[in-house]
PDB file of N, CA and C in Angstrom:
ATOM      1  N   MET A   1      -5.970  -2.585  -6.167  1.00  0.00           N
ATOM      2  CA  MET A   1      -6.199  -3.122  -4.833  1.00  0.00           C
ATOM      3  C   MET A   1      -7.163  -2.212  -4.062  1.00  0.00           C
ATOM      4  N   GLN A   2      -7.035  -0.904  -4.270  1.00  0.00           N
ATOM      5  CA  GLN A   2      -7.911   0.025  -3.541  1.00  0.00           C
ATOM      6  C   GLN A   2      -9.382  -0.296  -3.801  1.00  0.00           C
ATOM      7  N   VAL A   3      -9.722  -0.502  -5.052  1.00  0.00           N
ATOM      8  CA  VAL A   3     -11.110  -0.791  -5.424  1.00  0.00           C
ATOM      9  C   VAL A   3     -11.533  -2.140  -4.856  1.00  0.00           C
ATOM     10  N   LEU A   4     -10.673  -3.110  -4.889  1.00  0.00           N
ATOM     11  CA  LEU A   4     -11.014  -4.440  -4.381  1.00  0.00           C
ATOM     12  C   LEU A   4     -11.202  -4.419  -2.865  1.00  0.00           C
ATOM     13  N   TRP A   5     -10.384  -3.635  -2.155  1.00  0.00           N
ATOM     14  CA  TRP A   5     -10.607  -3.513  -0.707  1.00  0.00           C
ATOM     15  C   TRP A   5     -11.952  -2.847  -0.432  1.00  0.00           C
ATOM     16  N   GLU A   6     -12.294  -1.869  -1.244  1.00  0.00           N
ATOM     17  CA  GLU A   6     -13.569  -1.172  -1.058  1.00  0.00           C
ATOM     18  C   GLU A   6     -14.750  -2.115  -1.294  1.00  0.00           C
ATOM     19  N   LEU A   7     -14.688  -2.906  -2.362  1.00  0.00           N
ATOM     20  CA  LEU A   7     -15.804  -3.792  -2.708  1.00  0.00           C
ATOM     21  C   LEU A   7     -15.774  -5.116  -1.942  1.00  0.00           C
ATOM     22  N   GLU A   8     -14.607  -5.506  -1.466  1.00  0.00           N
ATOM     23  CA  GLU A   8     -14.360  -6.756  -0.736  1.00  0.00           C
ATOM     24  C   GLU A   8     -14.345  -7.990  -1.633  1.00  0.00           C
ATOM     25  N   GLU A   9     -15.195  -8.046  -2.630  1.00  0.00           N
ATOM     26  CA  GLU A   9     -15.148  -9.089  -3.648  1.00  0.00           C
ATOM     27  C   GLU A   9     -15.840  -8.535  -4.883  1.00  0.00           C
ATOM     28  N   ALA A  10     -15.301  -8.908  -6.062  1.00  0.00           N
ATOM     29  CA  ALA A  10     -15.863  -8.332  -7.282  1.00  0.00           C
ATOM     30  C   ALA A  10     -15.417  -9.107  -8.514  1.00  0.00           C
ATOM     31  N   PHE A  11     -16.276  -9.073  -9.525  1.00  0.00           N
ATOM     32  CA  PHE A  11     -15.930  -9.541 -10.855  1.00  0.00           C
ATOM     33  C   PHE A  11     -15.219  -8.394 -11.571  1.00  0.00           C
ATOM     34  N   VAL A  12     -14.506  -8.687 -12.635  1.00  0.00           N
ATOM     35  CA  VAL A  12     -13.750  -7.660 -13.361  1.00  0.00           C
ATOM     36  C   VAL A  12     -14.659  -6.501 -13.778  1.00  0.00           C
ATOM     37  N   ASN A  13     -15.863  -6.808 -14.270  1.00  0.00           N
ATOM     38  CA  ASN A  13     -16.789  -5.738 -14.689  1.00  0.00           C
ATOM     39  C   ASN A  13     -17.153  -4.818 -13.532  1.00  0.00           C
ATOM     40  N   GLU A  14     -17.292  -5.371 -12.325  1.00  0.00           N
ATOM     41  CA  GLU A  14     -17.618  -4.548 -11.151  1.00  0.00           C
ATOM     42  C   GLU A  14     -16.435  -3.652 -10.774  1.00  0.00           C
ATOM     43  N   LEU A  15     -15.224  -4.161 -10.948  1.00  0.00           N
ATOM     44  CA  LEU A  15     -14.038  -3.346 -10.695  1.00  0.00           C
ATOM     45  C   LEU A  15     -13.983  -2.180 -11.676  1.00  0.00           C
ATOM     46  N   ILE A  16     -14.220  -2.474 -12.944  1.00  0.00           N
ATOM     47  CA  ILE A  16     -14.176  -1.438 -13.982  1.00  0.00           C
ATOM     48  C   ILE A  16     -15.190  -0.332 -13.696  1.00  0.00           C
ATOM     49  N   GLU A  17     -16.369  -0.694 -13.211  1.00  0.00           N
ATOM     50  CA  GLU A  17     -17.420   0.293 -12.905  1.00  0.00           C
ATOM     51  C   GLU A  17     -16.946   1.345 -11.910  1.00  0.00           C
ATOM     52  N   LYS A  18     -16.036   0.989 -11.025  1.00  0.00           N
ATOM     53  CA  LYS A  18     -15.571   1.898  -9.976  1.00  0.00           C
ATOM     54  C   LYS A  18     -14.537   2.912 -10.474  1.00  0.00           C
ATOM     55  N   PHE A  19     -13.998   2.695 -11.667  1.00  0.00           N
ATOM     56  CA  PHE A  19     -12.984   3.597 -12.205  1.00  0.00           C
ATOM     57  C   PHE A  19     -13.643   4.806 -12.860  1.00  0.00           C
ATOM     58  N   PRO A  20     -12.975   5.962 -12.801  1.00  0.00           N
ATOM     59  CA  PRO A  20     -13.510   7.143 -13.476  1.00  0.00           C
ATOM     60  C   PRO A  20     -13.355   7.010 -14.992  1.00  0.00           C
ATOM     61  N   GLU A  21     -14.062   7.851 -15.718  1.00  0.00           N
ATOM     62  CA  GLU A  21     -13.919   7.901 -17.181  1.00  0.00           C
ATOM     63  C   GLU A  21     -12.559   8.491 -17.530  1.00  0.00           C
ATOM     64  N   PRO A  22     -11.910   8.083 -18.541  1.00  0.00           N
ATOM     65  CA  PRO A  22     -12.252   6.948 -19.390  1.00  0.00           C
ATOM     66  C   PRO A  22     -11.941   5.638 -18.677  1.00  0.00           C
ATOM     67  N   LYS A  23     -12.875   4.722 -18.702  1.00  0.00           N
ATOM     68  CA  LYS A  23     -12.732   3.428 -18.031  1.00  0.00           C
ATOM     69  C   LYS A  23     -11.610   2.617 -18.682  1.00  0.00           C
ATOM     70  N   PRO A  24     -10.847   1.903 -17.858  1.00  0.00           N
ATOM     71  CA  PRO A  24      -9.811   1.029 -18.439  1.00  0.00           C
ATOM     72  C   PRO A  24     -10.462  -0.143 -19.175  1.00  0.00           C
ATOM     73  N   ALA A  25      -9.718  -0.723 -20.087  1.00  0.00           N
ATOM     74  CA  ALA A  25     -10.221  -1.865 -20.860  1.00  0.00           C
ATOM     75  C   ALA A  25     -10.365  -3.093 -19.959  1.00  0.00           C
ATOM     76  N   TYR A  26     -11.313  -3.941 -20.292  1.00  0.00           N
ATOM     77  CA  TYR A  26     -11.548  -5.180 -19.554  1.00  0.00           C
ATOM     78  C   TYR A  26     -10.253  -5.986 -19.448  1.00  0.00           C
ATOM     79  N   ASN A  27      -9.564  -6.155 -20.576  1.00  0.00           N
ATOM     80  CA  ASN A  27      -8.334  -6.958 -20.588  1.00  0.00           C
ATOM     81  C   ASN A  27      -7.257  -6.369 -19.683  1.00  0.00           C
ATOM     82  N   THR A  28      -7.201  -5.055 -19.592  1.00  0.00           N
ATOM     83  CA  THR A  28      -6.216  -4.402 -18.730  1.00  0.00           C
ATOM     84  C   THR A  28      -6.457  -4.769 -17.266  1.00  0.00           C
ATOM     85  N   ILE A  29      -7.694  -4.607 -16.822  1.00  0.00           N
ATOM     86  CA  ILE A  29      -8.032  -4.911 -15.421  1.00  0.00           C
ATOM     87  C   ILE A  29      -7.881  -6.401 -15.152  1.00  0.00           C
ATOM     88  N   SER A  30      -8.327  -7.230 -16.079  1.00  0.00           N
ATOM     89  CA  SER A  30      -8.202  -8.672 -15.926  1.00  0.00           C
ATOM     90  C   SER A  30      -6.737  -9.078 -15.769  1.00  0.00           C
ATOM     91  N   THR A  31      -5.869  -8.511 -16.573  1.00  0.00           N
ATOM     92  CA  THR A  31      -4.436  -8.817 -16.503  1.00  0.00           C
ATOM     93  C   THR A  31      -3.847  -8.375 -15.175  1.00  0.00           C
ATOM     94  N   ILE A  32      -4.191  -7.177 -14.740  1.00  0.00           N
ATOM     95  CA  ILE A  32      -3.665  -6.657 -13.464  1.00  0.00           C
ATOM     96  C   ILE A  32      -4.112  -7.539 -12.302  1.00  0.00           C
ATOM     97  N   VAL A  33      -5.378  -7.922 -12.298  1.00  0.00           N
ATOM     98  CA  VAL A  33      -5.899  -8.762 -11.212  1.00  0.00           C
ATOM     99  C   VAL A  33      -5.203 -10.121 -11.205  1.00  0.00           C
ATOM    100  N   ARG A  34      -4.967 -10.681 -12.392  1.00  0.00           N
ATOM    101  CA  ARG A  34      -4.277 -11.978 -12.452  1.00  0.00           C
ATOM    102  C   ARG A  34      -2.829 -11.862 -11.979  1.00  0.00           C
ATOM    103  N   ILE A  35      -2.182 -10.754 -12.275  1.00  0.00           N
ATOM    104  CA  ILE A  35      -0.814 -10.531 -11.775  1.00  0.00           C
ATOM    105  C   ILE A  35      -0.834 -10.429 -10.255  1.00  0.00           C
ATOM    106  N   LEU A  36      -1.786  -9.691  -9.719  1.00  0.00           N
ATOM    107  CA  LEU A  36      -1.913  -9.576  -8.258  1.00  0.00           C
ATOM    108  C   LEU A  36      -2.203 -10.938  -7.624  1.00  0.00           C
ATOM    109  N   GLU A  37      -2.961 -11.762  -8.336  1.00  0.00           N
ATOM    110  CA  GLU A  37      -3.250 -13.112  -7.839  1.00  0.00           C
ATOM    111  C   GLU A  37      -1.976 -13.959  -7.822  1.00  0.00           C
ATOM    112  N   LYS A  38      -1.177 -13.890  -8.870  1.00  0.00           N
ATOM    113  CA  LYS A  38       0.081 -14.646  -8.923  1.00  0.00           C
ATOM    114  C   LYS A  38       1.038 -14.214  -7.818  1.00  0.00           C
ATOM    115  N   LYS A  39       0.969 -12.940  -7.438  1.00  0.00           N
ATOM    116  CA  LYS A  39       1.843 -12.422  -6.384  1.00  0.00           C
ATOM    117  C   LYS A  39       1.305 -12.727  -4.987  1.00  0.00           C
ATOM    118  N   GLY A  40       0.093 -13.296  -4.909  1.00  0.00           N
ATOM    119  CA  GLY A  40      -0.462 -13.693  -3.622  1.00  0.00           C
ATOM    120  C   GLY A  40      -1.270 -12.625  -2.921  1.00  0.00           C
ATOM    121  N   PHE A  41      -1.623 -11.548  -3.630  1.00  0.00           N
ATOM    122  CA  PHE A  41      -2.399 -10.468  -3.020  1.00  0.00           C
ATOM    123  C   PHE A  41      -3.900 -10.670  -3.180  1.00  0.00           C
ATOM    124  N   VAL A  42      -4.286 -11.444  -4.192  1.00  0.00           N
ATOM    125  CA  VAL A  42      -5.693 -11.607  -4.557  1.00  0.00           C
ATOM    126  C   VAL A  42      -5.995 -13.094  -4.750  1.00  0.00           C
ATOM    127  N   GLY A  43      -7.206 -13.490  -4.369  1.00  0.00           N
ATOM    128  CA  GLY A  43      -7.689 -14.839  -4.625  1.00  0.00           C
ATOM    129  C   GLY A  43      -8.970 -14.756  -5.433  1.00  0.00           C
ATOM    130  N   HIS A  44      -9.513 -15.902  -5.824  1.00  0.00           N
ATOM    131  CA  HIS A  44     -10.768 -15.876  -6.571  1.00  0.00           C
ATOM    132  C   HIS A  44     -11.618 -17.102  -6.287  1.00  0.00           C
ATOM    133  N   LYS A  45     -12.908 -16.924  -6.575  1.00  0.00           N
ATOM    134  CA  LYS A  45     -13.865 -18.029  -6.601  1.00  0.00           C
ATOM    135  C   LYS A  45     -14.316 -18.146  -8.046  1.00  0.00           C
ATOM    136  N   ALA A  46     -14.350 -19.376  -8.559  1.00  0.00           N
ATOM    137  CA  ALA A  46     -14.760 -19.595  -9.945  1.00  0.00           C
ATOM    138  C   ALA A  46     -16.262 -19.809 -10.018  1.00  0.00           C
ATOM    139  N   PHE A  47     -16.891 -19.146 -10.973  1.00  0.00           N
ATOM    140  CA  PHE A  47     -18.304 -19.326 -11.300  1.00  0.00           C
ATOM    141  C   PHE A  47     -18.359 -19.612 -12.790  1.00  0.00           C
ATOM    142  N   GLY A  48     -18.173 -20.865 -13.157  1.00  0.00           N
ATOM    143  CA  GLY A  48     -18.053 -21.208 -14.569  1.00  0.00           C
ATOM    144  C   GLY A  48     -16.768 -20.607 -15.109  1.00  0.00           C
ATOM    145  N   LYS A  49     -16.891 -19.827 -16.170  1.00  0.00           N
ATOM    146  CA  LYS A  49     -15.716 -19.179 -16.750  1.00  0.00           C
ATOM    147  C   LYS A  49     -15.401 -17.838 -16.092  1.00  0.00           C
ATOM    148  N   SER A  50     -16.292 -17.369 -15.245  1.00  0.00           N
ATOM    149  CA  SER A  50     -16.087 -16.086 -14.559  1.00  0.00           C
ATOM    150  C   SER A  50     -15.399 -16.295 -13.222  1.00  0.00           C
ATOM    151  N   HIS A  51     -14.655 -15.289 -12.816  1.00  0.00           N
ATOM    152  CA  HIS A  51     -13.986 -15.328 -11.523  1.00  0.00           C
ATOM    153  C   HIS A  51     -14.378 -14.109 -10.705  1.00  0.00           C
ATOM    154  N   GLN A  52     -14.706 -14.370  -9.451  1.00  0.00           N
ATOM    155  CA  GLN A  52     -14.970 -13.288  -8.508  1.00  0.00           C
ATOM    156  C   GLN A  52     -13.733 -13.174  -7.627  1.00  0.00           C
ATOM    157  N   TYR A  53     -13.115 -12.002  -7.639  1.00  0.00           N
ATOM    158  CA  TYR A  53     -11.849 -11.794  -6.945  1.00  0.00           C
ATOM    159  C   TYR A  53     -12.066 -11.185  -5.570  1.00  0.00           C
ATOM    160  N   HIS A  54     -11.127 -11.470  -4.673  1.00  0.00           N
ATOM    161  CA  HIS A  54     -11.162 -10.915  -3.315  1.00  0.00           C
ATOM    162  C   HIS A  54      -9.723 -10.737  -2.814  1.00  0.00           C
ATOM    163  N   PRO A  55      -9.499  -9.737  -1.972  1.00  0.00           N
ATOM    164  CA  PRO A  55      -8.146  -9.538  -1.438  1.00  0.00           C
ATOM    165  C   PRO A  55      -7.773 -10.650  -0.470  1.00  0.00           C
ATOM    166  N   LEU A  56      -6.522 -11.058  -0.490  1.00  0.00           N
ATOM    167  CA  LEU A  56      -6.033 -12.077   0.445  1.00  0.00           C
ATOM    168  C   LEU A  56      -5.298 -11.445   1.620  1.00  0.00           C
ATOM    169  N   MET A  57      -5.092 -10.141   1.543  1.00  0.00           N
ATOM    170  CA  MET A  57      -4.452  -9.455   2.662  1.00  0.00           C
ATOM    171  C   MET A  57      -5.097  -8.096   2.850  1.00  0.00           C
ATOM    172  N   SER A  58      -5.027  -7.627   4.077  1.00  0.00           N
ATOM    173  CA  SER A  58      -5.605  -6.325   4.403  1.00  0.00           C
ATOM    174  C   SER A  58      -4.765  -5.211   3.799  1.00  0.00           C
ATOM    175  N   LYS A  59      -5.340  -4.033   3.799  1.00  0.00           N
ATOM    176  CA  LYS A  59      -4.635  -2.854   3.307  1.00  0.00           C
ATOM    177  C   LYS A  59      -3.355  -2.633   4.104  1.00  0.00           C
ATOM    178  N   LYS A  60      -3.419  -2.831   5.415  1.00  0.00           N
ATOM    179  CA  LYS A  60      -2.246  -2.636   6.275  1.00  0.00           C
ATOM    180  C   LYS A  60      -1.167  -3.671   5.966  1.00  0.00           C
ATOM    181  N   GLU A  61      -1.555  -4.938   5.813  1.00  0.00           N
ATOM    182  CA  GLU A  61      -0.584  -5.982   5.470  1.00  0.00           C
ATOM    183  C   GLU A  61       0.094  -5.676   4.136  1.00  0.00           C
ATOM    184  N   TYR A  62      -0.701  -5.249   3.164  1.00  0.00           N
ATOM    185  CA  TYR A  62      -0.174  -4.918   1.843  1.00  0.00           C
ATOM    186  C   TYR A  62       0.795  -3.738   1.944  1.00  0.00           C
ATOM    187  N   ALA A  63       0.392  -2.691   2.678  1.00  0.00           N
ATOM    188  CA  ALA A  63       1.252  -1.509   2.833  1.00  0.00           C
ATOM    189  C   ALA A  63       2.557  -1.880   3.532  1.00  0.00           C
ATOM    190  N   ASP A  64       2.475  -2.700   4.578  1.00  0.00           N
ATOM    191  CA  ASP A  64       3.687  -3.124   5.297  1.00  0.00           C
ATOM    192  C   ASP A  64       4.634  -3.875   4.365  1.00  0.00           C
ATOM    193  N   LYS A  65       4.086  -4.788   3.581  1.00  0.00           N
ATOM    194  CA  LYS A  65       4.912  -5.582   2.666  1.00  0.00           C
ATOM    195  C   LYS A  65       5.512  -4.699   1.573  1.00  0.00           C
ATOM    196  N   TYR A  66       4.688  -3.842   0.985  1.00  0.00           N
ATOM    197  CA  TYR A  66       5.158  -2.960  -0.076  1.00  0.00           C
ATOM    198  C   TYR A  66       6.224  -2.003   0.448  1.00  0.00           C
ATOM    199  N   PHE A  67       5.974  -1.400   1.602  1.00  0.00           N
ATOM    200  CA  PHE A  67       6.908  -0.419   2.153  1.00  0.00           C
ATOM    201  C   PHE A  67       8.228  -1.087   2.532  1.00  0.00           C
ATOM    202  N   SER A  68       8.157  -2.256   3.116  1.00  0.00           N
ATOM    203  CA  SER A  68       9.385  -2.987   3.454  1.00  0.00           C
ATOM    204  C   SER A  68      10.209  -3.263   2.206  1.00  0.00           C
ATOM    205  N   HIS A  69       9.540  -3.684   1.137  1.00  0.00           N
ATOM    206  CA  HIS A  69      10.219  -3.946  -0.136  1.00  0.00           C
ATOM    207  C   HIS A  69      10.817  -2.647  -0.696  1.00  0.00           C
ATOM    208  N   PHE A  70      10.068  -1.561  -0.606  1.00  0.00           N
ATOM    209  CA  PHE A  70      10.515  -0.255  -1.078  1.00  0.00           C
ATOM    210  C   PHE A  70      11.786   0.186  -0.345  1.00  0.00           C
ATOM    211  N   VAL A  71      11.793   0.074   0.974  1.00  0.00           N
ATOM    212  CA  VAL A  71      12.966   0.461   1.768  1.00  0.00           C
ATOM    213  C   VAL A  71      14.149  -0.443   1.439  1.00  0.00           C
ATOM    214  N   GLN A  72      13.887  -1.725   1.297  1.00  0.00           N
ATOM    215  CA  GLN A  72      14.958  -2.666   0.964  1.00  0.00           C
ATOM    216  C   GLN A  72      15.559  -2.352  -0.404  1.00  0.00           C
ATOM    217  N   LYS A  73      14.701  -2.111  -1.395  1.00  0.00           N
ATOM    218  CA  LYS A  73      15.165  -1.918  -2.769  1.00  0.00           C
ATOM    219  C   LYS A  73      15.855  -0.566  -2.978  1.00  0.00           C
ATOM    220  N   TYR A  74      15.278   0.495  -2.445  1.00  0.00           N
ATOM    221  CA  TYR A  74      15.778   1.840  -2.744  1.00  0.00           C
ATOM    222  C   TYR A  74      16.673   2.442  -1.663  1.00  0.00           C
ATOM    223  N   PHE A  75      16.642   1.881  -0.460  1.00  0.00           N
ATOM    224  CA  PHE A  75      17.431   2.452   0.635  1.00  0.00           C
ATOM    225  C   PHE A  75      18.282   1.404   1.346  1.00  0.00           C
ATOM    226  N   SER A  76      18.618   0.334   0.646  1.00  0.00           N
ATOM    227  CA  SER A  76      19.474  -0.740   1.162  1.00  0.00           C
ATOM    228  C   SER A  76      19.013  -1.244   2.525  1.00  0.00           C
ATOM    229  N   ASN A  77      17.697  -1.319   2.688  1.00  0.00           N
ATOM    230  CA  ASN A  77      17.073  -1.802   3.921  1.00  0.00           C
ATOM    231  C   ASN A  77      17.413  -0.934   5.129  1.00  0.00           C
ATOM    232  N   SER A  78      17.698   0.343   4.887  1.00  0.00           N
ATOM    233  CA  SER A  78      18.064   1.272   5.958  1.00  0.00           C
ATOM    234  C   SER A  78      16.995   2.346   6.113  1.00  0.00           C
ATOM    235  N   TYR A  79      16.252   2.280   7.222  1.00  0.00           N
ATOM    236  CA  TYR A  79      15.251   3.312   7.497  1.00  0.00           C
ATOM    237  C   TYR A  79      15.926   4.647   7.788  1.00  0.00           C
ATOM    238  N   GLN A  80      17.127   4.591   8.327  1.00  0.00           N
ATOM    239  CA  GLN A  80      17.878   5.819   8.561  1.00  0.00           C
ATOM    240  C   GLN A  80      18.176   6.519   7.233  1.00  0.00           C
ATOM    241  N   SER A  81      18.540   5.749   6.202  1.00  0.00           N
ATOM    242  CA  SER A  81      18.771   6.333   4.873  1.00  0.00           C
ATOM    243  C   SER A  81      17.489   6.933   4.311  1.00  0.00           C
ATOM    244  N   LEU A  82      16.371   6.277   4.540  1.00  0.00           N
ATOM    245  CA  LEU A  82      15.088   6.798   4.090  1.00  0.00           C
ATOM    246  C   LEU A  82      14.795   8.146   4.751  1.00  0.00           C
ATOM    247  N   VAL A  83      14.957   8.207   6.056  1.00  0.00           N
ATOM    248  CA  VAL A  83      14.690   9.454   6.784  1.00  0.00           C
ATOM    249  C   VAL A  83      15.657  10.547   6.342  1.00  0.00           C
ATOM    250  N   SER A  84      16.908  10.188   6.142  1.00  0.00           N
ATOM    251  CA  SER A  84      17.892  11.149   5.659  1.00  0.00           C
ATOM    252  C   SER A  84      17.475  11.702   4.293  1.00  0.00           C
ATOM    253  N   PHE A  85      17.032  10.823   3.416  1.00  0.00           N
ATOM    254  CA  PHE A  85      16.559  11.234   2.101  1.00  0.00           C
ATOM    255  C   PHE A  85      15.385  12.205   2.238  1.00  0.00           C
ATOM    256  N   LEU A  86      14.415  11.853   3.091  1.00  0.00           N
ATOM    257  CA  LEU A  86      13.226  12.697   3.257  1.00  0.00           C
ATOM    258  C   LEU A  86      13.580  14.077   3.801  1.00  0.00           C
ATOM    259  N   THR A  87      14.508  14.128   4.727  1.00  0.00           N
ATOM    260  CA  THR A  87      14.849  15.430   5.333  1.00  0.00           C
ATOM    261  C   THR A  87      15.590  16.335   4.353  1.00  0.00           C
ATOM    262  N   ARG A  88      16.215  15.763   3.347  1.00  0.00           N
ATOM    263  CA  ARG A  88      16.923  16.577   2.356  1.00  0.00           C
ATOM    264  C   ARG A  88      16.020  17.056   1.229  1.00  0.00           C
ATOM    265  N   GLN A  89      14.807  16.587   1.175  1.00  0.00           N
ATOM    266  CA  GLN A  89      13.897  16.977   0.104  1.00  0.00           C
ATOM    267  C   GLN A  89      13.360  18.384   0.339  1.00  0.00           C
ATOM    268  N   GLU A  90      13.410  19.198  -0.679  1.00  0.00           N
ATOM    269  CA  GLU A  90      12.922  20.565  -0.569  1.00  0.00           C
ATOM    270  C   GLU A  90      11.407  20.622  -0.436  1.00  0.00           C
ATOM    271  N   LYS A  91      10.728  19.506  -0.700  1.00  0.00           N
ATOM    272  CA  LYS A  91       9.267  19.475  -0.615  1.00  0.00           C
ATOM    273  C   LYS A  91       8.786  19.471   0.831  1.00  0.00           C
ATOM    274  N   LEU A  92       9.668  19.115   1.760  1.00  0.00           N
ATOM    275  CA  LEU A  92       9.310  19.115   3.178  1.00  0.00           C
ATOM    276  C   LEU A  92       9.635  20.482   3.768  1.00  0.00           C
ATOM    277  N   ASP A  93       8.609  21.132   4.311  1.00  0.00           N
ATOM    278  CA  ASP A  93       8.881  22.403   4.962  1.00  0.00           C
ATOM    279  C   ASP A  93       9.099  22.167   6.460  1.00  0.00           C
ATOM    280  N   ILE A  94       9.415  23.228   7.158  1.00  0.00           N
ATOM    281  CA  ILE A  94       9.694  23.136   8.604  1.00  0.00           C
ATOM    282  C   ILE A  94       8.517  22.513   9.346  1.00  0.00           C
ATOM    283  N   LYS A  95       7.308  22.897   9.001  1.00  0.00           N
ATOM    284  CA  LYS A  95       6.113  22.372   9.674  1.00  0.00           C
ATOM    285  C   LYS A  95       6.031  20.848   9.517  1.00  0.00           C
ATOM    286  N   ASP A  96       6.270  20.354   8.289  1.00  0.00           N
ATOM    287  CA  ASP A  96       6.254  18.910   8.049  1.00  0.00           C
ATOM    288  C   ASP A  96       7.330  18.202   8.869  1.00  0.00           C
ATOM    289  N   MET A  97       8.541  18.755   8.855  1.00  0.00           N
ATOM    290  CA  MET A  97       9.644  18.127   9.594  1.00  0.00           C
ATOM    291  C   MET A  97       9.388  18.134  11.099  1.00  0.00           C
ATOM    292  N   GLU A  98       8.811  19.215  11.616  1.00  0.00           N
ATOM    293  CA  GLU A  98       8.487  19.261  13.046  1.00  0.00           C
ATOM    294  C   GLU A  98       7.417  18.230  13.395  1.00  0.00           C
ATOM    295  N   ALA A  99       6.436  18.045  12.519  1.00  0.00           N
ATOM    296  CA  ALA A  99       5.392  17.046  12.754  1.00  0.00           C
ATOM    297  C   ALA A  99       5.988  15.637  12.746  1.00  0.00           C
ATOM    298  N   ILE A 100       6.903  15.381  11.808  1.00  0.00           N
ATOM    299  CA  ILE A 100       7.571  14.081  11.754  1.00  0.00           C
ATOM    300  C   ILE A 100       8.408  13.868  13.013  1.00  0.00           C
ATOM    301  N   ARG A 101       9.138  14.894  13.430  1.00  0.00           N
ATOM    302  CA  ARG A 101       9.961  14.780  14.637  1.00  0.00           C
ATOM    303  C   ARG A 101       9.086  14.503  15.855  1.00  0.00           C
ATOM    304  N   SER A 102       7.950  15.151  15.928  1.00  0.00           N
ATOM    305  CA  SER A 102       7.032  14.928  17.046  1.00  0.00           C
ATOM    306  C   SER A 102       6.537  13.477  17.073  1.00  0.00           C
ATOM    307  N   LEU A 103       6.186  12.946  15.900  1.00  0.00           N
ATOM    308  CA  LEU A 103       5.761  11.549  15.822  1.00  0.00           C
ATOM    309  C   LEU A 103       6.887  10.606  16.242  1.00  0.00           C
ATOM    310  N   MET A 104       8.102  10.911  15.797  1.00  0.00           N
ATOM    311  CA  MET A 104       9.258  10.084  16.157  1.00  0.00           C
ATOM    312  C   MET A 104       9.507  10.153  17.670  1.00  0.00           C
ATOM    313  N   ASP A 105       9.438  11.345  18.241  1.00  0.00           N
ATOM    314  CA  ASP A 105       9.643  11.504  19.688  1.00  0.00           C
ATOM    315  C   ASP A 105       8.607  10.704  20.486  1.00  0.00           C
ATOM    316  N   GLU A 106       7.348  10.747  20.038  1.00  0.00           N
ATOM    317  CA  GLU A 106       6.301   9.981  20.715  1.00  0.00           C
ATOM    318  C   GLU A 106       6.601   8.482  20.675  1.00  0.00           C
ATOM    319  N   GLU A 107       7.016   7.995  19.525  1.00  0.00           N
ATOM    320  CA  GLU A 107       7.305   6.568  19.383  1.00  0.00           C
ATOM    321  C   GLU A 107       8.538   6.178  20.207  1.00  0.00           C
ATOM    322  N   ILE A 108       9.552   7.033  20.229  1.00  0.00           N
ATOM    323  CA  ILE A 108      10.747   6.774  21.047  1.00  0.00           C
ATOM    324  C   ILE A 108      10.366   6.659  22.512  1.00  0.00           C
ATOM    325  N   ASN A 109       9.541   7.601  22.991  1.00  0.00           N
ATOM    326  CA  ASN A 109       9.110   7.570  24.387  1.00  0.00           C
ATOM    327  C   ASN A 109       8.283   6.337  24.690  1.00  0.00           C
ATOM    328  N   LYS A 110       7.420   5.946  23.757  1.00  0.00           N
ATOM    329  CA  LYS A 110       6.597   4.762  23.949  1.00  0.00           C
ATOM    330  C   LYS A 110       7.474   3.516  24.046  1.00  0.00           C
ATOM    331  N   GLN A 111       8.459   3.397  23.155  1.00  0.00           N
ATOM    332  CA  GLN A 111       9.332   2.222  23.163  1.00  0.00           C
ATOM    333  C   GLN A 111      10.255   2.194  24.365  1.00  0.00           C
ATOM    334  N   LYS A 112      10.582   3.361  24.891  1.00  0.00           N
ATOM    335  CA  LYS A 112      11.425   3.417  26.088  1.00  0.00           C
ATOM    336  C   LYS A 112      10.602   3.218  27.358  1.00  0.00           C
ATOM    337  N   GLY A 113       9.318   3.051  27.212  1.00  0.00           N
ATOM    338  CA  GLY A 113       8.467   2.812  28.390  1.00  0.00           C
ATOM    339  C   GLY A 113       7.952   4.089  28.998  1.00  0.00           C
ATOM    340  N   GLY A 114       7.811   5.130  28.191  1.00  0.00           N
ATOM    341  CA  GLY A 114       7.228   6.368  28.683  1.00  0.00           C
ATOM    342  C   GLY A 114       8.187   7.283  29.391  1.00  0.00           C
ATOM    343  N   GLU A 115       9.508   7.014  29.274  1.00  0.00           N
ATOM    344  CA  GLU A 115      10.493   7.897  29.904  1.00  0.00           C
ATOM    345  C   GLU A 115      10.395   9.292  29.308  1.00  0.00           C
ATOM    346  N   ASN A 116      10.638  10.307  30.093  1.00  0.00           N
ATOM    347  CA  ASN A 116      10.702  11.675  29.583  1.00  0.00           C
ATOM    348  C   ASN A 116      12.158  12.025  29.384  1.00  0.00           C
ATOM    349  N   GLY A 117      12.390  12.860  28.352  1.00  0.00           N
ATOM    350  CA  GLY A 117      13.739  13.243  28.292  1.00  0.00           C
ATOM    351  C   GLY A 117      14.260  13.654  27.045  1.00  0.00           C
TER     352      GLY A 117
END
């Protein structure tokens, strides 16, 4: 999807060109694009036997849908469980947690209408 968002529309060969060496096989990319099309993320225009693919949703729409599914599947649709999981990870240092808390505080204040407190 990243490559398709970058190109906006592309044939399979154009998608393959954007990948680093070793390039994936044509059939691999073709299969992935068709799966994404079946899932409603990608559409195509037919040019004879060739298809030019294009994204059907923006990067933000895709991220929102994917993340919602991720939270639902792995955290029982609980964002609180997700945050709890993240805070227990040793990979997050104090600086990261303080930055996250600051972002959360800003959003809380915004949703409360700018109240201080």
